C-alpha atoms as a PDB file:
ATOM      1  CA  UNK A   1      90.124  13.339 125.710  1.00  0.00           C
ATOM      2  CA  UNK A   2      88.306  12.256 128.830  1.00  0.00           C
ATOM      3  CA  UNK A   3      85.239  14.206 129.842  1.00  0.00           C
ATOM      4  CA  UNK A   4      86.586  15.507 133.186  1.00  0.00           C
ATOM      5  CA  UNK A   5      89.471  17.342 131.498  1.00  0.00           C
ATOM      6  CA  UNK A   6      87.149  19.239 129.138  1.00  0.00           C
ATOM      7  CA  UNK A   7      84.843  20.734 131.780  1.00  0.00           C
ATOM      8  CA  UNK A   8      85.302  24.330 132.703  1.00  0.00           C
ATOM      9  CA  UNK A   9      85.528  25.327 136.347  1.00  0.00           C
ATOM     10  CA  UNK A  10      83.011  27.662 137.931  1.00  0.00           C
ATOM     11  CA  UNK A  11      85.649  30.414 137.837  1.00  0.00           C
ATOM     12  CA  UNK A  12      86.319  29.861 134.146  1.00  0.00           C
ATOM     13  CA  UNK A  13      82.597  30.020 133.393  1.00  0.00           C
ATOM     14  CA  UNK A  14      82.209  33.295 135.277  1.00  0.00           C
ATOM     15  CA  UNK A  15      85.241  34.773 133.541  1.00  0.00           C
ATOM     16  CA  UNK A  16      83.824  33.783 130.168  1.00  0.00           C
ATOM     17  CA  UNK A  17      80.623  35.636 131.069  1.00  0.00           C
ATOM     18  CA  UNK A  18      82.631  38.650 132.196  1.00  0.00           C
ATOM     19  CA  UNK A  19      84.843  38.688 129.143  1.00  0.00           C
ATOM     20  CA  UNK A  20      81.926  38.332 126.749  1.00  0.00           C
ATOM     21  CA  UNK A  21      81.865  42.124 127.000  1.00  0.00           C
ATOM     22  CA  UNK A  22      84.328  43.954 124.834  1.00  0.00           C
ATOM     23  CA  UNK A  23      86.573  45.698 127.371  1.00  0.00           C
ATOM     24  CA  UNK A  24      89.099  48.279 126.392  1.00  0.00           C
ATOM     25  CA  UNK A  25      92.737  47.695 127.297  1.00  0.00           C
ATOM     26  CA  UNK A  26      92.579  49.744 130.506  1.00  0.00           C
ATOM     27  CA  UNK A  27      89.459  47.935 131.710  1.00  0.00           C
ATOM     28  CA  UNK A  28      91.051  44.578 130.996  1.00  0.00           C
ATOM     29  CA  UNK A  29      94.155  45.567 132.952  1.00  0.00           C
ATOM     30  CA  UNK A  30      91.964  46.711 135.845  1.00  0.00           C
ATOM     31  CA  UNK A  31      90.117  43.373 135.912  1.00  0.00           C
ATOM     32  CA  UNK A  32      93.403  41.450 135.787  1.00  0.00           C
ATOM     33  CA  UNK A  33      94.722  43.612 138.641  1.00  0.00           C
ATOM     34  CA  UNK A  34      91.580  42.970 140.706  1.00  0.00           C
ATOM     35  CA  UNK A  35      91.923  39.221 140.192  1.00  0.00           C
ATOM     36  CA  UNK A  36      95.611  39.275 141.070  1.00  0.00           C
ATOM     37  CA  UNK A  37      94.925  41.258 144.256  1.00  0.00           C
ATOM     38  CA  UNK A  38      92.075  38.936 145.211  1.00  0.00           C
ATOM     39  CA  UNK A  39      94.218  35.807 144.932  1.00  0.00           C
ATOM     40  CA  UNK A  40      97.191  37.505 146.612  1.00  0.00           C
ATOM     41  CA  UNK A  41      94.937  38.464 149.540  1.00  0.00           C
ATOM     42  CA  UNK A  42      93.666  34.886 149.799  1.00  0.00           C
ATOM     43  CA  UNK A  43      97.234  33.554 149.805  1.00  0.00           C
ATOM     44  CA  UNK A  44      98.228  36.081 152.476  1.00  0.00           C
ATOM     45  CA  UNK A  45      95.248  35.097 154.637  1.00  0.00           C
ATOM     46  CA  UNK A  46      96.206  31.427 154.357  1.00  0.00           C
ATOM     47  CA  UNK A  47      99.850  32.188 155.188  1.00  0.00           C
ATOM     48  CA  UNK A  48      98.761  34.223 158.219  1.00  0.00           C
ATOM     49  CA  UNK A  49      96.594  31.312 159.361  1.00  0.00           C
ATOM     50  CA  UNK A  50      99.508  28.870 159.054  1.00  0.00           C
ATOM     51  CA  UNK A  51     101.825  31.369 160.773  1.00  0.00           C
ATOM     52  CA  UNK A  52      99.455  31.509 163.757  1.00  0.00           C
ATOM     53  CA  UNK A  53      98.781  27.757 163.886  1.00  0.00           C
ATOM     54  CA  UNK A  54     102.492  26.907 163.806  1.00  0.00           C
ATOM     55  CA  UNK A  55     103.416  29.748 166.200  1.00  0.00           C
ATOM     56  CA  UNK A  56     106.006  31.040 163.761  1.00  0.00           C
ATOM     57  CA  UNK A  57     108.019  34.168 164.525  1.00  0.00           C
ATOM     58  CA  UNK A  58     110.374  36.482 162.686  1.00  0.00           C
ATOM     59  CA  UNK A  59     113.196  34.627 164.418  1.00  0.00           C
ATOM     60  CA  UNK A  60     111.932  31.365 162.898  1.00  0.00           C
ATOM     61  CA  UNK A  61     112.066  32.916 159.437  1.00  0.00           C
ATOM     62  CA  UNK A  62     115.560  34.306 160.057  1.00  0.00           C
ATOM     63  CA  UNK A  63     116.835  30.890 161.152  1.00  0.00           C
ATOM     64  CA  UNK A  64     115.301  29.250 158.066  1.00  0.00           C
ATOM     65  CA  UNK A  65     117.046  31.772 155.860  1.00  0.00           C
ATOM     66  CA  UNK A  66     120.388  30.746 157.366  1.00  0.00           C
ATOM     67  CA  UNK A  67     119.830  26.990 156.981  1.00  0.00           C
ATOM     68  CA  UNK A  68     121.855  25.169 154.377  1.00  0.00           C
ATOM     69  CA  UNK A  69     119.488  22.650 152.794  1.00  0.00           C
ATOM     70  CA  UNK A  70     121.306  21.767 149.614  1.00  0.00           C
ATOM     71  CA  UNK A  71     121.846  18.116 148.902  1.00  0.00           C
ATOM     72  CA  UNK A  72     125.435  17.396 147.885  1.00  0.00           C
ATOM     73  CA  UNK A  73     125.680  16.416 144.247  1.00  0.00           C
ATOM     74  CA  UNK A  74     126.723  12.855 143.516  1.00  0.00           C
ATOM     75  CA  UNK A  75     129.915  12.996 141.465  1.00  0.00           C
END
């Protein structure tokens, strides 16, 4: 195995420190929920940024929903 694939990321290292404590099931679920919310918020912020940069509107989204983008199968 090459060395770069065996290194832990800074997030993994912090999580290992956090999870070195013996959490009960409810605490573990709360931590997982916090992490999920954090990353969902970050994704939403990035989507909002792209939305603004590209000047997207609800009408843009509606038109994309109606587009037919399937590639015909080769038979």
